[in-house]
Amino acid sequence: MTRFQLAARLLALVGLALVPPFLSVAQAAPAQVTPVQNPSAPNPFPEDPVRGAVEQFLLRQAVGLPGKVSVQVIPPSGGRAPDCVSPDPFLPAGSAPWGRVNVGVRCGGDRPWTRYIQARVSVLTDYYVAARAMAPGEPIDPADLELRQGDLAALPRAVVTDPSQVMGAVAANRIAAGSPMRTDLMRKAISVRSGQTVTVAVEGDAFQLTSEGKVLADAATGTSVQVRLRSGQVVNGIVRSADTVVLQQ
């Protein structure tokens, strides 16, 4: 028995095969197999014109929201829905365009019908929390805010996303340190008080007339207030500052 035959017999006992010396390594190596998808297999994510229409509609609705927007349309359960001709998405009345939304889709054709699609709109945004505890009536300015980042859908509807929203405001309620700042927890600071004498201005394109009057109620800058003039006439104006009211044209 030759040395080659002996080696072949030993390898056969352990389930291996000896590559004959006249075969190259390339010939002996197994072939690389690339899996090919079965063209007859169903696509788990079929192209759905309704899904695309809903995504584009929600992205348009989100224009102007303060943050980075992403949309996820949830495929309907219970199998494929009937074809929807000329899909026209809409939001039911009172629905916000972020968070979990239920989008209505009007389908055209000979027999128009409506279907509903669920989606989630995430808005990654900057928002602000109270840097300190505040008591009712305390003035608030941007130095009292701390920046945070989160999903708008998980935040209160009235959360502050721009420091300018607190300018000239005071706390309307007690605000705990670290809690999200909300516009409904604030009010504009009172600029004029009931009975206060103010300058009443009438402005035109090329003129300004002034008089004096007494304010009939407390009011903040930018809000409407009634003023009694010296003649006794009561007029409506907008508070411009702590001592000036501009008559409404």
C-alpha atoms as a PDB file:
ATOM      1  CA  MET A   1       0.000   0.000   0.000  1.00  0.00           C
ATOM      2  CA  THR A   2       1.464   3.337  -1.053  1.00  0.00           C
ATOM      3  CA  ARG A   3       1.750   6.324   1.313  1.00  0.00           C
ATOM      4  CA  PHE A   4      -1.022   8.149  -0.611  1.00  0.00           C
ATOM      5  CA  GLN A   5      -3.411   5.149  -0.369  1.00  0.00           C
ATOM      6  CA  LEU A   6      -2.726   4.851   3.373  1.00  0.00           C
ATOM      7  CA  ALA A   7      -3.491   8.540   3.972  1.00  0.00           C
ATOM      8  CA  ALA A   8      -6.707   8.279   1.930  1.00  0.00           C
ATOM      9  CA  ARG A   9      -7.896   5.288   3.991  1.00  0.00           C
ATOM     10  CA  LEU A  10      -7.250   7.077   7.299  1.00  0.00           C
ATOM     11  CA  LEU A  11      -9.116  10.180   6.179  1.00  0.00           C
ATOM     12  CA  ALA A  12     -12.050   8.095   4.973  1.00  0.00           C
ATOM     13  CA  LEU A  13     -12.415   6.648   8.461  1.00  0.00           C
ATOM     14  CA  VAL A  14     -13.107  10.162   9.867  1.00  0.00           C
ATOM     15  CA  GLY A  15     -15.427  11.188   7.043  1.00  0.00           C
ATOM     16  CA  LEU A  16     -13.016  13.367   5.061  1.00  0.00           C
ATOM     17  CA  ALA A  17     -11.839  13.134   1.517  1.00  0.00           C
ATOM     18  CA  LEU A  18      -8.323  13.592   0.262  1.00  0.00           C
ATOM     19  CA  VAL A  19      -7.920  15.981  -2.636  1.00  0.00           C
ATOM     20  CA  PRO A  20      -5.856  14.261  -5.292  1.00  0.00           C
ATOM     21  CA  PRO A  21      -2.592  16.075  -5.946  1.00  0.00           C
ATOM     22  CA  PHE A  22      -3.480  16.648  -9.588  1.00  0.00           C
ATOM     23  CA  LEU A  23      -6.503  18.901  -8.624  1.00  0.00           C
ATOM     24  CA  SER A  24      -5.906  22.570  -7.935  1.00  0.00           C
ATOM     25  CA  VAL A  25      -7.193  24.297  -4.788  1.00  0.00           C
ATOM     26  CA  ALA A  26      -9.611  26.324  -6.899  1.00  0.00           C
ATOM     27  CA  GLN A  27     -11.111  23.148  -8.352  1.00  0.00           C
ATOM     28  CA  ALA A  28     -11.529  21.570  -4.923  1.00  0.00           C
ATOM     29  CA  ALA A  29     -13.156  24.594  -3.164  1.00  0.00           C
ATOM     30  CA  PRO A  30     -16.966  24.623  -2.939  1.00  0.00           C
ATOM     31  CA  ALA A  31     -18.806  27.145  -5.136  1.00  0.00           C
ATOM     32  CA  GLN A  32     -20.211  30.372  -3.619  1.00  0.00           C
ATOM     33  CA  VAL A  33     -24.026  30.395  -3.825  1.00  0.00           C
ATOM     34  CA  THR A  34     -25.918  33.712  -3.997  1.00  0.00           C
ATOM     35  CA  PRO A  35     -29.519  33.340  -2.825  1.00  0.00           C
ATOM     36  CA  VAL A  36     -32.078  34.489  -5.398  1.00  0.00           C
ATOM     37  CA  GLN A  37     -35.490  35.680  -4.311  1.00  0.00           C
ATOM     38  CA  ASN A  38     -38.347  33.646  -5.709  1.00  0.00           C
ATOM     39  CA  PRO A  39     -40.117  35.982  -8.153  1.00  0.00           C
ATOM     40  CA  SER A  40     -43.428  34.302  -7.394  1.00  0.00           C
ATOM     41  CA  ALA A  41     -43.149  34.955  -3.618  1.00  0.00           C
ATOM     42  CA  PRO A  42     -45.449  37.758  -2.330  1.00  0.00           C
ATOM     43  CA  ASN A  43     -43.812  41.107  -1.483  1.00  0.00           C
ATOM     44  CA  PRO A  44     -44.237  41.722   2.269  1.00  0.00           C
ATOM     45  CA  PHE A  45     -44.347  45.483   1.585  1.00  0.00           C
ATOM     46  CA  PRO A  46     -46.351  45.907  -1.619  1.00  0.00           C
ATOM     47  CA  GLU A  47     -46.430  49.319  -3.274  1.00  0.00           C
ATOM     48  CA  ASP A  48     -49.515  51.059  -1.924  1.00  0.00           C
ATOM     49  CA  PRO A  49     -50.543  54.413  -3.456  1.00  0.00           C
ATOM     50  CA  VAL A  50     -52.668  55.131  -0.384  1.00  0.00           C
ATOM     51  CA  ARG A  51     -49.695  54.702   1.923  1.00  0.00           C
ATOM     52  CA  GLY A  52     -47.594  57.065  -0.201  1.00  0.00           C
ATOM     53  CA  ALA A  53     -50.394  59.640  -0.350  1.00  0.00           C
ATOM     54  CA  VAL A  54     -50.821  59.549   3.443  1.00  0.00           C
ATOM     55  CA  GLU A  55     -47.077  59.950   4.041  1.00  0.00           C
ATOM     56  CA  GLN A  56     -46.864  62.975   1.741  1.00  0.00           C
ATOM     57  CA  PHE A  57     -50.026  64.479   3.237  1.00  0.00           C
ATOM     58  CA  LEU A  58     -48.692  64.193   6.806  1.00  0.00           C
ATOM     59  CA  LEU A  59     -45.337  65.671   5.798  1.00  0.00           C
ATOM     60  CA  ARG A  60     -47.167  68.671   4.318  1.00  0.00           C
ATOM     61  CA  GLN A  61     -49.261  69.022   7.460  1.00  0.00           C
ATOM     62  CA  ALA A  62     -46.090  69.028   9.552  1.00  0.00           C
ATOM     63  CA  VAL A  63     -44.514  71.950   7.679  1.00  0.00           C
ATOM     64  CA  GLY A  64     -43.827  74.687  10.220  1.00  0.00           C
ATOM     65  CA  LEU A  65     -43.661  72.386  13.237  1.00  0.00           C
ATOM     66  CA  PRO A  66     -40.603  73.168  15.378  1.00  0.00           C
ATOM     67  CA  GLY A  67     -38.403  70.116  14.821  1.00  0.00           C
ATOM     68  CA  LYS A  68     -37.313  67.178  12.677  1.00  0.00           C
ATOM     69  CA  VAL A  69     -40.334  65.260  11.378  1.00  0.00           C
ATOM     70  CA  SER A  70     -40.577  61.536  10.621  1.00  0.00           C
ATOM     71  CA  VAL A  71     -43.721  59.697   9.472  1.00  0.00           C
ATOM     72  CA  GLN A  72     -44.542  56.014   9.941  1.00  0.00           C
ATOM     73  CA  VAL A  73     -47.687  54.697   8.259  1.00  0.00           C
ATOM     74  CA  ILE A  74     -49.013  51.528   9.915  1.00  0.00           C
ATOM     75  CA  PRO A  75     -50.095  48.842   7.393  1.00  0.00           C
ATOM     76  CA  PRO A  76     -53.772  47.880   7.749  1.00  0.00           C
ATOM     77  CA  SER A  77     -54.526  44.593   9.468  1.00  0.00           C
ATOM     78  CA  GLY A  78     -56.835  41.962   8.064  1.00  0.00           C
ATOM     79  CA  GLY A  79     -55.297  41.653   4.601  1.00  0.00           C
ATOM     80  CA  ARG A  80     -55.139  43.943   1.607  1.00  0.00           C
ATOM     81  CA  ALA A  81     -57.840  46.599   1.386  1.00  0.00           C
ATOM     82  CA  PRO A  82     -59.773  47.219  -1.830  1.00  0.00           C
ATOM     83  CA  ASP A  83     -58.108  49.464  -4.388  1.00  0.00           C
ATOM     84  CA  CYS A  84     -58.500  53.184  -3.674  1.00  0.00           C
ATOM     85  CA  VAL A  85     -58.803  55.364  -6.776  1.00  0.00           C
ATOM     86  CA  SER A  86     -57.333  58.890  -6.536  1.00  0.00           C
ATOM     87  CA  PRO A  87     -56.689  58.797  -2.757  1.00  0.00           C
ATOM     88  CA  ASP A  88     -57.408  62.128  -1.043  1.00  0.00           C
ATOM     89  CA  PRO A  89     -56.187  62.104   2.603  1.00  0.00           C
ATOM     90  CA  PHE A  90     -57.639  64.356   5.310  1.00  0.00           C
ATOM     91  CA  LEU A  91     -57.447  64.771   9.090  1.00  0.00           C
ATOM     92  CA  PRO A  92     -60.671  64.481  11.095  1.00  0.00           C
ATOM     93  CA  ALA A  93     -61.744  67.716  12.778  1.00  0.00           C
ATOM     94  CA  GLY A  94     -59.784  68.513  15.932  1.00  0.00           C
ATOM     95  CA  SER A  95     -56.897  66.138  15.141  1.00  0.00           C
ATOM     96  CA  ALA A  96     -53.319  67.300  15.702  1.00  0.00           C
ATOM     97  CA  PRO A  97     -50.848  66.508  12.881  1.00  0.00           C
ATOM     98  CA  TRP A  98     -48.400  64.774  15.227  1.00  0.00           C
ATOM     99  CA  GLY A  99     -48.356  61.751  17.526  1.00  0.00           C
ATOM    100  CA  ARG A 100     -50.682  58.854  16.757  1.00  0.00           C
ATOM    101  CA  VAL A 101     -53.083  60.022  14.074  1.00  0.00           C
ATOM    102  CA  ASN A 102     -55.997  58.431  12.254  1.00  0.00           C
ATOM    103  CA  VAL A 103     -55.960  59.727   8.678  1.00  0.00           C
ATOM    104  CA  GLY A 104     -59.087  59.561   6.570  1.00  0.00           C
ATOM    105  CA  VAL A 105     -58.684  58.812   2.856  1.00  0.00           C
ATOM    106  CA  ARG A 106     -61.426  59.599   0.361  1.00  0.00           C
ATOM    107  CA  CYS A 107     -61.387  57.147  -2.540  1.00  0.00           C
ATOM    108  CA  GLY A 108     -62.849  58.161  -5.869  1.00  0.00           C
ATOM    109  CA  GLY A 109     -64.235  56.126  -8.726  1.00  0.00           C
ATOM    110  CA  ASP A 110     -67.758  55.115  -9.671  1.00  0.00           C
ATOM    111  CA  ARG A 111     -68.624  54.358  -6.033  1.00  0.00           C
ATOM    112  CA  PRO A 112     -66.661  56.769  -3.779  1.00  0.00           C
ATOM    113  CA  TRP A 113     -65.842  55.514  -0.294  1.00  0.00           C
ATOM    114  CA  THR A 114     -63.656  56.442   2.683  1.00  0.00           C
ATOM    115  CA  ARG A 115     -61.054  54.399   4.513  1.00  0.00           C
ATOM    116  CA  TYR A 116     -58.904  55.227   7.550  1.00  0.00           C
ATOM    117  CA  ILE A 117     -55.175  54.697   7.981  1.00  0.00           C
ATOM    118  CA  GLN A 118     -53.236  54.834  11.252  1.00  0.00           C
ATOM    119  CA  ALA A 119     -49.873  56.580  11.375  1.00  0.00           C
ATOM    120  CA  ARG A 120     -47.392  58.014  13.826  1.00  0.00           C
ATOM    121  CA  VAL A 121     -45.764  61.396  13.302  1.00  0.00           C
ATOM    122  CA  SER A 122     -42.694  62.054  15.445  1.00  0.00           C
ATOM    123  CA  VAL A 123     -41.317  65.586  15.799  1.00  0.00           C
ATOM    124  CA  LEU A 124     -37.916  65.746  17.480  1.00  0.00           C
ATOM    125  CA  THR A 125     -37.812  69.288  18.844  1.00  0.00           C
ATOM    126  CA  ASP A 126     -36.157  71.626  21.316  1.00  0.00           C
ATOM    127  CA  TYR A 127     -38.350  72.639  24.237  1.00  0.00           C
ATOM    128  CA  TYR A 128     -37.852  74.417  27.548  1.00  0.00           C
ATOM    129  CA  VAL A 129     -38.320  73.552  31.203  1.00  0.00           C
ATOM    130  CA  ALA A 130     -38.338  75.803  34.265  1.00  0.00           C
ATOM    131  CA  ALA A 131     -34.805  76.340  35.567  1.00  0.00           C
ATOM    132  CA  ARG A 132     -36.233  77.256  38.995  1.00  0.00           C
ATOM    133  CA  ALA A 133     -39.468  77.142  40.932  1.00  0.00           C
ATOM    134  CA  MET A 134     -41.764  80.095  40.239  1.00  0.00           C
ATOM    135  CA  ALA A 135     -44.633  81.485  42.278  1.00  0.00           C
ATOM    136  CA  PRO A 136     -47.799  83.014  40.779  1.00  0.00           C
ATOM    137  CA  GLY A 137     -47.183  86.578  39.635  1.00  0.00           C
ATOM    138  CA  GLU A 138     -43.402  86.210  39.258  1.00  0.00           C
ATOM    139  CA  PRO A 139     -42.001  87.660  36.042  1.00  0.00           C
ATOM    140  CA  ILE A 140     -40.435  85.157  33.618  1.00  0.00           C
ATOM    141  CA  ASP A 141     -37.584  85.756  31.184  1.00  0.00           C
ATOM    142  CA  PRO A 142     -35.397  83.481  29.001  1.00  0.00           C
ATOM    143  CA  ALA A 143     -32.812  83.165  31.802  1.00  0.00           C
ATOM    144  CA  ASP A 144     -35.421  81.156  33.746  1.00  0.00           C
ATOM    145  CA  LEU A 145     -35.494  78.439  31.067  1.00  0.00           C
ATOM    146  CA  GLU A 146     -33.407  75.318  30.438  1.00  0.00           C
ATOM    147  CA  LEU A 147     -33.177  73.643  27.026  1.00  0.00           C
ATOM    148  CA  ARG A 148     -34.306  70.054  26.509  1.00  0.00           C
ATOM    149  CA  GLN A 149     -35.034  67.878  23.456  1.00  0.00           C
ATOM    150  CA  GLY A 150     -37.859  65.390  22.947  1.00  0.00           C
ATOM    151  CA  ASP A 151     -40.746  64.181  20.814  1.00  0.00           C
ATOM    152  CA  LEU A 152     -43.434  66.833  20.500  1.00  0.00           C
ATOM    153  CA  ALA A 153     -46.064  64.080  20.640  1.00  0.00           C
ATOM    154  CA  ALA A 154     -44.983  63.198  24.198  1.00  0.00           C
ATOM    155  CA  LEU A 155     -45.031  66.819  25.408  1.00  0.00           C
ATOM    156  CA  PRO A 156     -47.903  69.061  26.562  1.00  0.00           C
ATOM    157  CA  ARG A 157     -49.751  70.790  23.731  1.00  0.00           C
ATOM    158  CA  ALA A 158     -48.788  74.284  24.982  1.00  0.00           C
ATOM    159  CA  VAL A 159     -45.093  73.544  25.638  1.00  0.00           C
ATOM    160  CA  VAL A 160     -42.697  76.456  25.040  1.00  0.00           C
ATOM    161  CA  THR A 161     -40.425  75.838  22.040  1.00  0.00           C
ATOM    162  CA  ASP A 162     -39.091  79.384  21.621  1.00  0.00           C
ATOM    163  CA  PRO A 163     -37.711  81.613  24.421  1.00  0.00           C
ATOM    164  CA  SER A 164     -39.500  84.621  22.926  1.00  0.00           C
ATOM    165  CA  GLN A 165     -42.790  83.053  24.052  1.00  0.00           C
ATOM    166  CA  VAL A 166     -42.052  84.002  27.670  1.00  0.00           C
ATOM    167  CA  MET A 167     -41.030  87.611  27.046  1.00  0.00           C
ATOM    168  CA  GLY A 168     -43.119  89.996  29.136  1.00  0.00           C
ATOM    169  CA  ALA A 169     -44.948  87.143  30.880  1.00  0.00           C
ATOM    170  CA  VAL A 170     -45.536  86.299  34.524  1.00  0.00           C
ATOM    171  CA  ALA A 171     -46.399  82.956  36.093  1.00  0.00           C
ATOM    172  CA  ALA A 172     -50.155  82.450  36.302  1.00  0.00           C
ATOM    173  CA  ASN A 173     -49.754  79.354  38.485  1.00  0.00           C
ATOM    174  CA  ARG A 174     -47.042  77.775  40.602  1.00  0.00           C
ATOM    175  CA  ILE A 175     -44.417  76.215  38.312  1.00  0.00           C
ATOM    176  CA  ALA A 176     -42.085  73.493  39.652  1.00  0.00           C
ATOM    177  CA  ALA A 177     -38.406  73.474  38.739  1.00  0.00           C
ATOM    178  CA  GLY A 178     -37.698  71.086  35.866  1.00  0.00           C
ATOM    179  CA  SER A 179     -41.296  70.961  34.636  1.00  0.00           C
ATOM    180  CA  PRO A 180     -42.022  71.789  30.964  1.00  0.00           C
ATOM    181  CA  MET A 181     -42.809  75.455  30.478  1.00  0.00           C
ATOM    182  CA  ARG A 182     -46.288  75.911  29.008  1.00  0.00           C
ATOM    183  CA  THR A 183     -47.955  78.996  27.666  1.00  0.00           C
ATOM    184  CA  ASP A 184     -51.111  78.144  29.602  1.00  0.00           C
ATOM    185  CA  LEU A 185     -49.112  78.482  32.856  1.00  0.00           C
ATOM    186  CA  MET A 186     -48.260  82.096  32.027  1.00  0.00           C
ATOM    187  CA  ARG A 187     -50.029  85.364  31.374  1.00  0.00           C
ATOM    188  CA  LYS A 188     -48.914  88.728  30.121  1.00  0.00           C
ATOM    189  CA  ALA A 189     -47.801  91.132  32.829  1.00  0.00           C
ATOM    190  CA  ILE A 190     -50.278  93.895  33.628  1.00  0.00           C
ATOM    191  CA  SER A 191     -49.116  97.143  32.012  1.00  0.00           C
ATOM    192  CA  VAL A 192     -51.959  99.509  32.891  1.00  0.00           C
ATOM    193  CA  ARG A 193     -54.296  99.488  35.889  1.00  0.00           C
ATOM    194  CA  SER A 194     -57.938 100.430  36.233  1.00  0.00           C
ATOM    195  CA  GLY A 195     -58.260 104.171  36.952  1.00  0.00           C
ATOM    196  CA  GLN A 196     -54.765 104.964  35.679  1.00  0.00           C
ATOM    197  CA  THR A 197     -54.331 108.092  33.542  1.00  0.00           C
ATOM    198  CA  VAL A 198     -52.717 107.282  30.199  1.00  0.00           C
ATOM    199  CA  THR A 199     -51.838 109.022  26.958  1.00  0.00           C
ATOM    200  CA  VAL A 200     -54.376 108.184  24.267  1.00  0.00           C
ATOM    201  CA  ALA A 201     -52.907 108.351  20.772  1.00  0.00           C
ATOM    202  CA  VAL A 202     -54.592 108.458  17.377  1.00  0.00           C
ATOM    203  CA  GLU A 203     -52.162 107.616  14.584  1.00  0.00           C
ATOM    204  CA  GLY A 204     -52.435 108.124  10.840  1.00  0.00           C
ATOM    205  CA  ASP A 205     -50.143 107.859   7.844  1.00  0.00           C
ATOM    206  CA  ALA A 206     -48.615 111.303   8.400  1.00  0.00           C
ATOM    207  CA  PHE A 207     -49.935 112.489  11.756  1.00  0.00           C
ATOM    208  CA  GLN A 208     -50.394 111.612  15.414  1.00  0.00           C
ATOM    209  CA  LEU A 209     -52.874 113.178  17.835  1.00  0.00           C
ATOM    210  CA  THR A 210     -52.717 112.638  21.578  1.00  0.00           C
ATOM    211  CA  SER A 211     -55.039 113.202  24.507  1.00  0.00           C
ATOM    212  CA  GLU A 212     -55.520 111.828  28.018  1.00  0.00           C
ATOM    213  CA  GLY A 213     -57.948 109.367  29.474  1.00  0.00           C
ATOM    214  CA  LYS A 214     -58.508 106.932  32.307  1.00  0.00           C
ATOM    215  CA  VAL A 215     -58.207 103.177  31.856  1.00  0.00           C
ATOM    216  CA  LEU A 216     -61.360 101.261  32.861  1.00  0.00           C
ATOM    217  CA  ALA A 217     -59.725  97.856  33.514  1.00  0.00           C
ATOM    218  CA  ASP A 218     -56.353  96.216  34.087  1.00  0.00           C
ATOM    219  CA  ALA A 219     -54.697  95.217  30.813  1.00  0.00           C
ATOM    220  CA  ALA A 220     -51.413  93.826  29.488  1.00  0.00           C
ATOM    221  CA  THR A 221     -49.307  95.159  26.630  1.00  0.00           C
ATOM    222  CA  GLY A 222     -50.800  94.220  23.265  1.00  0.00           C
ATOM    223  CA  THR A 223     -54.312  93.647  24.608  1.00  0.00           C
ATOM    224  CA  SER A 224     -57.471  95.692  24.130  1.00  0.00           C
ATOM    225  CA  VAL A 225     -58.746  98.057  26.840  1.00  0.00           C
ATOM    226  CA  GLN A 226     -61.459 100.677  27.234  1.00  0.00           C
ATOM    227  CA  VAL A 227     -60.469 104.265  28.070  1.00  0.00           C
ATOM    228  CA  ARG A 228     -62.710 107.141  29.190  1.00  0.00           C
ATOM    229  CA  LEU A 229     -61.627 110.415  27.600  1.00  0.00           C
ATOM    230  CA  ARG A 230     -61.926 113.803  29.299  1.00  0.00           C
ATOM    231  CA  SER A 231     -65.082 114.447  27.288  1.00  0.00           C
ATOM    232  CA  GLY A 232     -66.675 111.398  28.899  1.00  0.00           C
ATOM    233  CA  GLN A 233     -66.583 109.363  25.692  1.00  0.00           C
ATOM    234  CA  VAL A 234     -65.463 105.736  26.084  1.00  0.00           C
ATOM    235  CA  VAL A 235     -63.167 104.396  23.350  1.00  0.00           C
ATOM    236  CA  ASN A 236     -61.366 101.119  22.668  1.00  0.00           C
ATOM    237  CA  GLY A 237     -57.604 100.983  22.277  1.00  0.00           C
ATOM    238  CA  ILE A 238     -54.561  98.709  22.348  1.00  0.00           C
ATOM    239  CA  VAL A 239     -52.085  98.988  25.219  1.00  0.00           C
ATOM    240  CA  ARG A 240     -48.713  99.913  23.728  1.00  0.00           C
ATOM    241  CA  SER A 241     -46.788 100.504  26.929  1.00  0.00           C
ATOM    242  CA  ALA A 242     -47.268 101.223  30.628  1.00  0.00           C
ATOM    243  CA  ASP A 243     -48.585 104.721  29.897  1.00  0.00           C
ATOM    244  CA  THR A 244     -49.839 104.720  26.297  1.00  0.00           C
ATOM    245  CA  VAL A 245     -52.976 103.396  24.609  1.00  0.00           C
ATOM    246  CA  VAL A 246     -53.410 103.609  20.823  1.00  0.00           C
ATOM    247  CA  LEU A 247     -56.990 103.951  19.586  1.00  0.00           C
ATOM    248  CA  GLN A 248     -58.210 101.210  17.270  1.00  0.00           C
ATOM    249  CA  GLN A 249     -59.031 102.509  13.798  1.00  0.00           C
END
